[in-house]
Structure formats: structure tokens, C-alpha cells
């Protein structure tokens, strides 16, 4: 089955990867460097997977984010945690979106093989949004009984092969039980501002301050999300919406934060 990932004019070849149909690249000329699932010493039924974009690695901000989860929740955090590294394939920005689809299918296959995950939270930055998108789609295609897939996009890059610049705006979040994006509309990164039609949009542009914006603008949504961890009672967004924290459900989130809508966070939202 073709998942409707691409318009026909963008398809050069198809291949079956671990049971999923995805685009493999120009003339099938390259292979993705796929990472194995860590050997988790647990029987957790929930997992959070953090996915970097181009120019990053798993041991950078994804590792910081996962450590923040541990420090915030302590022994109450019973989720497995995985910072997925696809830095080799993400480096080539002309091919990164397509490679991200392959990595997303791979992640989904590994999670389904475990047979124990009933809740999945995928968090991706920039072109890592394509990994999140395909992982969500593949999880739902292969297992219709997956109870909860929550997708979080941090300033997601929407352009597919620099041809379809609105792919992400139309498709990201479409297959998740709940999905949200945190966007900075004041940066220079193209195709990252939304609005995204299949998820709830949080505009974090106005909450960026010189004393807490540690990265250039495209990375600011990562910092914004990080700052919501540890004192979640102070926020009505970010980590407060994660199924890892509290008893919030994706059904509640979908009602409170509808698809296609935009919530603009003001400067005092970080206080």
C-alpha cells in the first residue's frame, strides 16, 4: 500500500523497509544508517523517543531533554527513554526529509516488535519532524489498537525535497492521537512557521528572552520546551501536555487544543 507520502512526480523509487512502504531516495542510491533499539532494563509500557534535526546529534539537546524528564519525575517516571541518532543521514539537507521517513518507519518497526508499548511520545525538531510523522503513520498502519501516540514537533521543517514546501503543514500530526507544534515565527528558517493544519500550534516567538534563548531562533522552541520541565504547574503547555506527566489523556488534549488552531504565548507565559 502506498501511504500517500508523496505526489507521484516526486517518486523516484519505492522499497519495502521492515514492512512499510516508504521513499528510499534518488534512484535508490543510498541506504539509511539505522540505529538499534537500546537494551532497556525495564518492562515499561510507555516510551518517549526524542529525534534531532540536521546539524545535531542524540548526545546534544535530546540527551539534555531526557535527563530533564528524569530529574523532574524521579522514580515516578516509568517510561523508557530513547534519544535517536540519525545524524549521518540528517546532514545532507537535500535528502534529509526522505531519509527521515525511512528512519521513522524503522523506529515504528522496532517499537512494535517489542509488543509491550501501549503509549508512545515522539518529540522531533526541524527535519526530525519527518521521522516523527512516518513513525506515527507506520505505528497506526501496523497496529490499529495502539492506544496512544502523542507527537510533538519543535519548529518542524515542512519542505519535502525542496519541492513540496507545504507537506508538513498538511500532513504532520495527521495520524497521531494528539499532536502539537511549538514554532518561532521570527526566525529565518524556511517552511517552519505553520500554521500546521493537523495539529495544535503554539507560537512561542514572544516568550523568547535574551537571557534564556541559548540557541539561535530555529532552536528556541527546544529551549522553550525544556523550560517547561521541572515546574509543570507553572505552565499550561510543553511538558504539562505530555502523557509522561500526570493523568492527562490524549482525548482531553484533543478537546482543549484542537487541530489547526493557534495559541500565541505571551511574554509572561514563561513566568
C-alpha atoms as a PDB file:
ATOM      1  CA  UNK A   1       0.000   0.000   0.000  1.00  0.00           C
ATOM      2  CA  UNK A   2       1.232   3.470  -0.778  1.00  0.00           C
ATOM      3  CA  UNK A   3       0.714   5.699   2.262  1.00  0.00           C
ATOM      4  CA  UNK A   4       0.214   8.893   0.268  1.00  0.00           C
ATOM      5  CA  UNK A   5       3.545  10.243   1.445  1.00  0.00           C
ATOM      6  CA  UNK A   6       4.402  11.984  -1.783  1.00  0.00           C
ATOM      7  CA  UNK A   7       2.966  13.272  -5.006  1.00  0.00           C
ATOM      8  CA  UNK A   8       3.781  10.968  -7.912  1.00  0.00           C
ATOM      9  CA  UNK A   9       6.129  13.444  -9.546  1.00  0.00           C
ATOM     10  CA  UNK A  10       8.490  13.229  -6.560  1.00  0.00           C
ATOM     11  CA  UNK A  11       8.740   9.456  -6.521  1.00  0.00           C
ATOM     12  CA  UNK A  12      11.946   8.030  -7.962  1.00  0.00           C
ATOM     13  CA  UNK A  13      11.702   4.543  -6.474  1.00  0.00           C
ATOM     14  CA  UNK A  14       9.979   2.617  -3.719  1.00  0.00           C
ATOM     15  CA  UNK A  15      11.198  -0.119  -1.468  1.00  0.00           C
ATOM     16  CA  UNK A  16       9.809  -2.154   1.357  1.00  0.00           C
ATOM     17  CA  UNK A  17      11.573  -1.399   4.612  1.00  0.00           C
ATOM     18  CA  UNK A  18      10.585  -3.595   7.527  1.00  0.00           C
ATOM     19  CA  UNK A  19       7.077  -3.956   6.189  1.00  0.00           C
ATOM     20  CA  UNK A  20       6.448  -0.292   5.425  1.00  0.00           C
ATOM     21  CA  UNK A  21       6.324   1.351   2.012  1.00  0.00           C
ATOM     22  CA  UNK A  22       8.459   4.487   2.011  1.00  0.00           C
ATOM     23  CA  UNK A  23      10.505   6.540  -0.395  1.00  0.00           C
ATOM     24  CA  UNK A  24      14.153   5.489  -0.368  1.00  0.00           C
ATOM     25  CA  UNK A  25      15.773   8.274  -2.390  1.00  0.00           C
ATOM     26  CA  UNK A  26      17.107   9.253  -5.774  1.00  0.00           C
ATOM     27  CA  UNK A  27      17.452   6.063  -7.798  1.00  0.00           C
ATOM     28  CA  UNK A  28      17.721   4.029  -4.578  1.00  0.00           C
ATOM     29  CA  UNK A  29      21.277   5.341  -4.426  1.00  0.00           C
ATOM     30  CA  UNK A  30      21.711   5.418  -0.661  1.00  0.00           C
ATOM     31  CA  UNK A  31      20.955   3.373   2.420  1.00  0.00           C
ATOM     32  CA  UNK A  32      19.946   4.808   5.802  1.00  0.00           C
ATOM     33  CA  UNK A  33      22.219   4.261   8.808  1.00  0.00           C
ATOM     34  CA  UNK A  34      19.608   2.716  11.091  1.00  0.00           C
ATOM     35  CA  UNK A  35      20.085   2.550  14.859  1.00  0.00           C
ATOM     36  CA  UNK A  36      19.080  -0.435  17.034  1.00  0.00           C
ATOM     37  CA  UNK A  37      16.688  -0.145  19.937  1.00  0.00           C
ATOM     38  CA  UNK A  38      18.591   0.224  23.232  1.00  0.00           C
ATOM     39  CA  UNK A  39      18.591  -2.738  25.588  1.00  0.00           C
ATOM     40  CA  UNK A  40      16.209  -1.290  28.138  1.00  0.00           C
ATOM     41  CA  UNK A  41      16.370  -2.912  31.555  1.00  0.00           C
ATOM     42  CA  UNK A  42      12.662  -2.468  32.164  1.00  0.00           C
ATOM     43  CA  UNK A  43       9.229  -3.671  31.223  1.00  0.00           C
ATOM     44  CA  UNK A  44       7.800  -0.187  30.781  1.00  0.00           C
ATOM     45  CA  UNK A  45       4.691   0.091  28.613  1.00  0.00           C
ATOM     46  CA  UNK A  46       5.465   3.679  27.618  1.00  0.00           C
ATOM     47  CA  UNK A  47       8.398   5.129  25.675  1.00  0.00           C
ATOM     48  CA  UNK A  48       9.467   8.629  24.687  1.00  0.00           C
ATOM     49  CA  UNK A  49      11.660   8.960  21.592  1.00  0.00           C
ATOM     50  CA  UNK A  50      13.473  12.270  21.026  1.00  0.00           C
ATOM     51  CA  UNK A  51      14.673  12.975  17.489  1.00  0.00           C
ATOM     52  CA  UNK A  52      17.108  15.722  16.487  1.00  0.00           C
ATOM     53  CA  UNK A  53      17.217  17.561  13.183  1.00  0.00           C
ATOM     54  CA  UNK A  54      20.024  18.446  10.800  1.00  0.00           C
ATOM     55  CA  UNK A  55      23.252  19.599  12.424  1.00  0.00           C
ATOM     56  CA  UNK A  56      22.536  17.941  15.777  1.00  0.00           C
ATOM     57  CA  UNK A  57      23.223  14.612  17.469  1.00  0.00           C
ATOM     58  CA  UNK A  58      21.422  12.496  20.022  1.00  0.00           C
ATOM     59  CA  UNK A  59      24.024  13.322  22.693  1.00  0.00           C
ATOM     60  CA  UNK A  60      23.264  17.037  22.428  1.00  0.00           C
ATOM     61  CA  UNK A  61      19.877  18.587  23.295  1.00  0.00           C
ATOM     62  CA  UNK A  62      17.964  15.250  23.075  1.00  0.00           C
ATOM     63  CA  UNK A  63      20.105  13.845  25.900  1.00  0.00           C
ATOM     64  CA  UNK A  64      19.553  17.041  27.884  1.00  0.00           C
ATOM     65  CA  UNK A  65      15.815  16.767  27.380  1.00  0.00           C
ATOM     66  CA  UNK A  66      15.682  13.147  28.537  1.00  0.00           C
ATOM     67  CA  UNK A  67      17.773  13.960  31.607  1.00  0.00           C
ATOM     68  CA  UNK A  68      15.379  16.770  32.448  1.00  0.00           C
ATOM     69  CA  UNK A  69      12.500  14.273  32.365  1.00  0.00           C
ATOM     70  CA  UNK A  70      14.354  12.039  34.838  1.00  0.00           C
ATOM     71  CA  UNK A  71      15.159  14.901  37.182  1.00  0.00           C
ATOM     72  CA  UNK A  72      11.603  16.211  37.087  1.00  0.00           C
ATOM     73  CA  UNK A  73       9.812  12.914  37.704  1.00  0.00           C
ATOM     74  CA  UNK A  74      12.367  10.815  39.579  1.00  0.00           C
ATOM     75  CA  UNK A  75      11.123   7.323  40.386  1.00  0.00           C
ATOM     76  CA  UNK A  76       7.670   8.285  39.109  1.00  0.00           C
ATOM     77  CA  UNK A  77       8.966   8.244  35.526  1.00  0.00           C
ATOM     78  CA  UNK A  78       8.284   4.693  34.393  1.00  0.00           C
ATOM     79  CA  UNK A  79       8.741   5.348  30.655  1.00  0.00           C
ATOM     80  CA  UNK A  80      11.649   4.091  28.603  1.00  0.00           C
ATOM     81  CA  UNK A  81      13.661   6.933  27.068  1.00  0.00           C
ATOM     82  CA  UNK A  82      15.464   6.926  23.715  1.00  0.00           C
ATOM     83  CA  UNK A  83      17.466   9.720  22.077  1.00  0.00           C
ATOM     84  CA  UNK A  84      17.540   8.520  18.480  1.00  0.00           C
ATOM     85  CA  UNK A  85      20.682   9.368  16.499  1.00  0.00           C
ATOM     86  CA  UNK A  86      20.351   9.722  12.721  1.00  0.00           C
ATOM     87  CA  UNK A  87      22.946  12.480  12.414  1.00  0.00           C
ATOM     88  CA  UNK A  88      24.761  10.887   9.468  1.00  0.00           C
ATOM     89  CA  UNK A  89      21.637  10.872   7.306  1.00  0.00           C
ATOM     90  CA  UNK A  90      20.306  14.184   8.608  1.00  0.00           C
ATOM     91  CA  UNK A  91      23.426  16.051   7.487  1.00  0.00           C
ATOM     92  CA  UNK A  92      22.523  16.061   3.791  1.00  0.00           C
ATOM     93  CA  UNK A  93      19.712  18.579   3.802  1.00  0.00           C
ATOM     94  CA  UNK A  94      18.697  17.791   0.236  1.00  0.00           C
ATOM     95  CA  UNK A  95      17.858  14.224   1.256  1.00  0.00           C
ATOM     96  CA  UNK A  96      17.188  14.547   4.988  1.00  0.00           C
ATOM     97  CA  UNK A  97      13.396  14.677   4.761  1.00  0.00           C
ATOM     98  CA  UNK A  98      13.211  11.465   2.738  1.00  0.00           C
ATOM     99  CA  UNK A  99      15.763   9.767   4.930  1.00  0.00           C
ATOM    100  CA  UNK A 100      13.703  10.849   7.913  1.00  0.00           C
ATOM    101  CA  UNK A 101      10.756   8.886   6.538  1.00  0.00           C
ATOM    102  CA  UNK A 102      12.914   5.754   6.408  1.00  0.00           C
ATOM    103  CA  UNK A 103      14.117   6.260   9.963  1.00  0.00           C
ATOM    104  CA  UNK A 104      10.560   6.833  11.158  1.00  0.00           C
ATOM    105  CA  UNK A 105       9.422   3.531   9.648  1.00  0.00           C
ATOM    106  CA  UNK A 106      12.394   1.819  11.270  1.00  0.00           C
ATOM    107  CA  UNK A 107      11.589   3.243  14.715  1.00  0.00           C
ATOM    108  CA  UNK A 108       7.970   2.122  14.433  1.00  0.00           C
ATOM    109  CA  UNK A 109       9.010  -1.399  13.490  1.00  0.00           C
ATOM    110  CA  UNK A 110      11.343  -1.686  16.470  1.00  0.00           C
ATOM    111  CA  UNK A 111       8.693  -0.458  18.894  1.00  0.00           C
ATOM    112  CA  UNK A 112       6.081  -2.843  17.517  1.00  0.00           C
ATOM    113  CA  UNK A 113       8.496  -5.756  17.739  1.00  0.00           C
ATOM    114  CA  UNK A 114       8.702  -5.171  21.483  1.00  0.00           C
ATOM    115  CA  UNK A 115       4.992  -5.839  21.782  1.00  0.00           C
ATOM    116  CA  UNK A 116       4.687  -4.052  25.117  1.00  0.00           C
ATOM    117  CA  UNK A 117       4.431  -0.351  24.367  1.00  0.00           C
ATOM    118  CA  UNK A 118       0.908   0.976  24.734  1.00  0.00           C
ATOM    119  CA  UNK A 119       1.928   4.650  24.884  1.00  0.00           C
ATOM    120  CA  UNK A 120       4.452   6.390  22.654  1.00  0.00           C
ATOM    121  CA  UNK A 121       5.531  10.044  22.790  1.00  0.00           C
ATOM    122  CA  UNK A 122       7.594  11.183  19.796  1.00  0.00           C
ATOM    123  CA  UNK A 123       9.407  14.535  20.006  1.00  0.00           C
ATOM    124  CA  UNK A 124      11.223  15.881  16.943  1.00  0.00           C
ATOM    125  CA  UNK A 125      12.954  19.100  15.948  1.00  0.00           C
ATOM    126  CA  UNK A 126      13.146  20.639  12.473  1.00  0.00           C
ATOM    127  CA  UNK A 127      13.551  17.962   9.764  1.00  0.00           C
ATOM    128  CA  UNK A 128      13.234  15.408  12.562  1.00  0.00           C
ATOM    129  CA  UNK A 129       9.535  16.101  12.106  1.00  0.00           C
ATOM    130  CA  UNK A 130       9.609  13.765   9.107  1.00  0.00           C
ATOM    131  CA  UNK A 131      10.866  10.987  11.375  1.00  0.00           C
ATOM    132  CA  UNK A 132       8.043  11.683  13.819  1.00  0.00           C
ATOM    133  CA  UNK A 133       5.490  11.791  11.006  1.00  0.00           C
ATOM    134  CA  UNK A 134       6.455   8.465   9.464  1.00  0.00           C
ATOM    135  CA  UNK A 135       6.874   6.721  12.832  1.00  0.00           C
ATOM    136  CA  UNK A 136       3.359   7.787  13.789  1.00  0.00           C
ATOM    137  CA  UNK A 137       1.885   6.760  10.453  1.00  0.00           C
ATOM    138  CA  UNK A 138       3.634   3.380  10.498  1.00  0.00           C
ATOM    139  CA  UNK A 139       2.585   2.630  14.079  1.00  0.00           C
ATOM    140  CA  UNK A 140      -1.030   3.271  13.196  1.00  0.00           C
ATOM    141  CA  UNK A 141      -0.904   1.358   9.914  1.00  0.00           C
ATOM    142  CA  UNK A 142       0.567  -1.734  11.513  1.00  0.00           C
ATOM    143  CA  UNK A 143      -1.299  -1.676  14.828  1.00  0.00           C
ATOM    144  CA  UNK A 144      -4.745  -0.118  14.839  1.00  0.00           C
ATOM    145  CA  UNK A 145      -5.049  -0.934  18.555  1.00  0.00           C
ATOM    146  CA  UNK A 146      -2.128   1.266  19.592  1.00  0.00           C
ATOM    147  CA  UNK A 147      -3.849   3.168  22.438  1.00  0.00           C
ATOM    148  CA  UNK A 148      -1.839   6.371  22.433  1.00  0.00           C
ATOM    149  CA  UNK A 149       0.608   8.063  20.069  1.00  0.00           C
ATOM    150  CA  UNK A 150       1.472  11.643  21.019  1.00  0.00           C
ATOM    151  CA  UNK A 151       3.577  13.631  18.541  1.00  0.00           C
ATOM    152  CA  UNK A 152       5.411  16.829  19.490  1.00  0.00           C
ATOM    153  CA  UNK A 153       7.041  18.956  16.781  1.00  0.00           C
ATOM    154  CA  UNK A 154       9.616  21.624  17.675  1.00  0.00           C
ATOM    155  CA  UNK A 155       9.868  24.229  14.897  1.00  0.00           C
ATOM    156  CA  UNK A 156       9.275  21.490  12.305  1.00  0.00           C
ATOM    157  CA  UNK A 157      10.629  21.851   8.798  1.00  0.00           C
ATOM    158  CA  UNK A 158       7.822  21.267   6.268  1.00  0.00           C
ATOM    159  CA  UNK A 159       9.540  21.096   2.891  1.00  0.00           C
ATOM    160  CA  UNK A 160       9.925  17.761   1.158  1.00  0.00           C
ATOM    161  CA  UNK A 161      12.938  17.703  -1.217  1.00  0.00           C
ATOM    162  CA  UNK A 162      12.599  21.481  -1.569  1.00  0.00           C
ATOM    163  CA  UNK A 163       9.722  20.807  -3.969  1.00  0.00           C
ATOM    164  CA  UNK A 164       6.643  20.442  -1.784  1.00  0.00           C
ATOM    165  CA  UNK A 165       7.093  23.217   0.760  1.00  0.00           C
ATOM    166  CA  UNK A 166       3.766  22.628   2.496  1.00  0.00           C
ATOM    167  CA  UNK A 167       3.946  18.869   3.017  1.00  0.00           C
ATOM    168  CA  UNK A 168       4.405  19.185   6.767  1.00  0.00           C
ATOM    169  CA  UNK A 169       1.766  21.869   7.078  1.00  0.00           C
ATOM    170  CA  UNK A 170      -0.765  19.439   5.554  1.00  0.00           C
ATOM    171  CA  UNK A 171       0.405  16.131   6.980  1.00  0.00           C
ATOM    172  CA  UNK A 172       2.304  16.483  10.274  1.00  0.00           C
ATOM    173  CA  UNK A 173       0.167  15.297  13.175  1.00  0.00           C
ATOM    174  CA  UNK A 174      -2.484  13.765  10.939  1.00  0.00           C
ATOM    175  CA  UNK A 175      -2.151  10.232  12.293  1.00  0.00           C
ATOM    176  CA  UNK A 176      -1.375  10.919  15.963  1.00  0.00           C
ATOM    177  CA  UNK A 177      -3.929  10.688  18.739  1.00  0.00           C
ATOM    178  CA  UNK A 178      -2.740  14.138  19.748  1.00  0.00           C
ATOM    179  CA  UNK A 179      -0.079  16.341  18.194  1.00  0.00           C
ATOM    180  CA  UNK A 180       1.227  19.822  18.839  1.00  0.00           C
ATOM    181  CA  UNK A 181       3.928  22.072  17.425  1.00  0.00           C
ATOM    182  CA  UNK A 182       5.975  24.839  19.050  1.00  0.00           C
ATOM    183  CA  UNK A 183       7.033  27.365  16.462  1.00  0.00           C
ATOM    184  CA  UNK A 184       9.129  30.510  16.337  1.00  0.00           C
ATOM    185  CA  UNK A 185       7.794  32.641  13.511  1.00  0.00           C
ATOM    186  CA  UNK A 186      10.575  35.182  13.989  1.00  0.00           C
ATOM    187  CA  UNK A 187      13.479  33.048  12.803  1.00  0.00           C
ATOM    188  CA  UNK A 188      14.950  32.774   9.326  1.00  0.00           C
ATOM    189  CA  UNK A 189      14.442  29.011   8.893  1.00  0.00           C
ATOM    190  CA  UNK A 190      12.200  28.450   5.862  1.00  0.00           C
ATOM    191  CA  UNK A 191       8.997  26.406   5.963  1.00  0.00           C
ATOM    192  CA  UNK A 192       8.854  26.182   9.778  1.00  0.00           C
ATOM    193  CA  UNK A 193       6.247  28.764  10.727  1.00  0.00           C
ATOM    194  CA  UNK A 194       2.991  26.934  10.010  1.00  0.00           C
ATOM    195  CA  UNK A 195       0.188  27.031  10.782  1.00  0.00           C
ATOM    196  CA  UNK A 196       0.084  23.246  10.710  1.00  0.00           C
ATOM    197  CA  UNK A 197      -3.391  22.020   9.866  1.00  0.00           C
ATOM    198  CA  UNK A 198      -3.364  18.596  11.543  1.00  0.00           C
ATOM    199  CA  UNK A 199      -2.043  19.587  14.958  1.00  0.00           C
ATOM    200  CA  UNK A 200      -2.333  22.351  17.523  1.00  0.00           C
ATOM    201  CA  UNK A 201       0.100  25.236  17.042  1.00  0.00           C
ATOM    202  CA  UNK A 202       1.835  27.041  19.901  1.00  0.00           C
ATOM    203  CA  UNK A 203       3.600  30.234  18.844  1.00  0.00           C
ATOM    204  CA  UNK A 204       6.494  30.681  21.296  1.00  0.00           C
ATOM    205  CA  UNK A 205       8.058  33.655  19.491  1.00  0.00           C
ATOM    206  CA  UNK A 206       7.027  36.221  22.084  1.00  0.00           C
ATOM    207  CA  UNK A 207       8.334  34.267  25.065  1.00  0.00           C
ATOM    208  CA  UNK A 208      11.929  34.279  23.804  1.00  0.00           C
ATOM    209  CA  UNK A 209      14.106  36.475  26.008  1.00  0.00           C
ATOM    210  CA  UNK A 210      17.789  37.389  25.637  1.00  0.00           C
ATOM    211  CA  UNK A 211      18.697  35.822  28.981  1.00  0.00           C
ATOM    212  CA  UNK A 212      17.178  32.427  28.210  1.00  0.00           C
ATOM    213  CA  UNK A 213      17.469  31.956  24.453  1.00  0.00           C
ATOM    214  CA  UNK A 214      20.561  29.757  24.377  1.00  0.00           C
ATOM    215  CA  UNK A 215      20.408  28.975  20.671  1.00  0.00           C
ATOM    216  CA  UNK A 216      19.638  30.857  17.515  1.00  0.00           C
ATOM    217  CA  UNK A 217      15.965  31.305  16.726  1.00  0.00           C
ATOM    218  CA  UNK A 218      15.279  27.992  15.000  1.00  0.00           C
ATOM    219  CA  UNK A 219      16.407  26.187  18.159  1.00  0.00           C
ATOM    220  CA  UNK A 220      14.457  28.432  20.504  1.00  0.00           C
ATOM    221  CA  UNK A 221      11.373  26.125  20.605  1.00  0.00           C
ATOM    222  CA  UNK A 222      13.667  23.420  22.048  1.00  0.00           C
ATOM    223  CA  UNK A 223      14.720  25.761  24.854  1.00  0.00           C
ATOM    224  CA  UNK A 224      11.121  26.820  25.383  1.00  0.00           C
ATOM    225  CA  UNK A 225      10.020  23.202  25.782  1.00  0.00           C
ATOM    226  CA  UNK A 226      12.932  22.446  28.108  1.00  0.00           C
ATOM    227  CA  UNK A 227      11.955  25.311  30.387  1.00  0.00           C
ATOM    228  CA  UNK A 228       8.530  23.789  30.968  1.00  0.00           C
ATOM    229  CA  UNK A 229      10.096  20.695  32.576  1.00  0.00           C
ATOM    230  CA  UNK A 230      10.595  20.561  36.319  1.00  0.00           C
ATOM    231  CA  UNK A 231       7.890  23.031  37.344  1.00  0.00           C
ATOM    232  CA  UNK A 232       4.998  21.896  35.146  1.00  0.00           C
ATOM    233  CA  UNK A 233       2.409  23.502  37.408  1.00  0.00           C
ATOM    234  CA  UNK A 234       3.649  26.852  36.111  1.00  0.00           C
ATOM    235  CA  UNK A 235       2.757  26.064  32.520  1.00  0.00           C
ATOM    236  CA  UNK A 236      -0.293  25.058  30.519  1.00  0.00           C
ATOM    237  CA  UNK A 237       1.802  23.835  27.598  1.00  0.00           C
ATOM    238  CA  UNK A 238       5.020  21.973  26.878  1.00  0.00           C
ATOM    239  CA  UNK A 239       5.787  19.147  29.280  1.00  0.00           C
ATOM    240  CA  UNK A 240       2.485  19.711  31.079  1.00  0.00           C
ATOM    241  CA  UNK A 241       0.804  18.207  27.996  1.00  0.00           C
ATOM    242  CA  UNK A 242       2.975  15.086  27.904  1.00  0.00           C
ATOM    243  CA  UNK A 243       1.418  11.755  28.869  1.00  0.00           C
ATOM    244  CA  UNK A 244       4.598  11.169  30.889  1.00  0.00           C
ATOM    245  CA  UNK A 245       3.417  13.770  33.387  1.00  0.00           C
ATOM    246  CA  UNK A 246       0.221  13.455  35.407  1.00  0.00           C
ATOM    247  CA  UNK A 247      -3.013  11.814  34.349  1.00  0.00           C
ATOM    248  CA  UNK A 248      -3.807  13.885  31.278  1.00  0.00           C
ATOM    249  CA  UNK A 249      -5.196  11.917  28.331  1.00  0.00           C
ATOM    250  CA  UNK A 250      -4.900  12.478  24.616  1.00  0.00           C
ATOM    251  CA  UNK A 251      -8.690  12.782  24.468  1.00  0.00           C
ATOM    252  CA  UNK A 252      -8.569  15.680  26.911  1.00  0.00           C
ATOM    253  CA  UNK A 253      -5.783  17.326  24.940  1.00  0.00           C
ATOM    254  CA  UNK A 254      -7.621  16.993  21.643  1.00  0.00           C
ATOM    255  CA  UNK A 255     -10.653  18.757  23.078  1.00  0.00           C
ATOM    256  CA  UNK A 256      -8.677  21.543  24.723  1.00  0.00           C
ATOM    257  CA  UNK A 257      -6.218  22.122  21.879  1.00  0.00           C
ATOM    258  CA  UNK A 258      -7.999  21.480  18.561  1.00  0.00           C
ATOM    259  CA  UNK A 259      -6.251  20.749  15.294  1.00  0.00           C
ATOM    260  CA  UNK A 260      -5.354  23.709  13.138  1.00  0.00           C
ATOM    261  CA  UNK A 261      -5.803  26.266  15.906  1.00  0.00           C
ATOM    262  CA  UNK A 262      -3.042  28.594  17.064  1.00  0.00           C
ATOM    263  CA  UNK A 263      -2.256  29.523  20.675  1.00  0.00           C
ATOM    264  CA  UNK A 264       0.023  32.547  20.893  1.00  0.00           C
ATOM    265  CA  UNK A 265       2.033  32.537  24.104  1.00  0.00           C
ATOM    266  CA  UNK A 266       2.811  35.951  25.524  1.00  0.00           C
ATOM    267  CA  UNK A 267       5.933  37.092  27.319  1.00  0.00           C
ATOM    268  CA  UNK A 268       4.612  36.321  30.790  1.00  0.00           C
ATOM    269  CA  UNK A 269       3.819  32.711  29.833  1.00  0.00           C
ATOM    270  CA  UNK A 270       7.308  31.740  30.992  1.00  0.00           C
ATOM    271  CA  UNK A 271       6.802  33.124  34.481  1.00  0.00           C
END
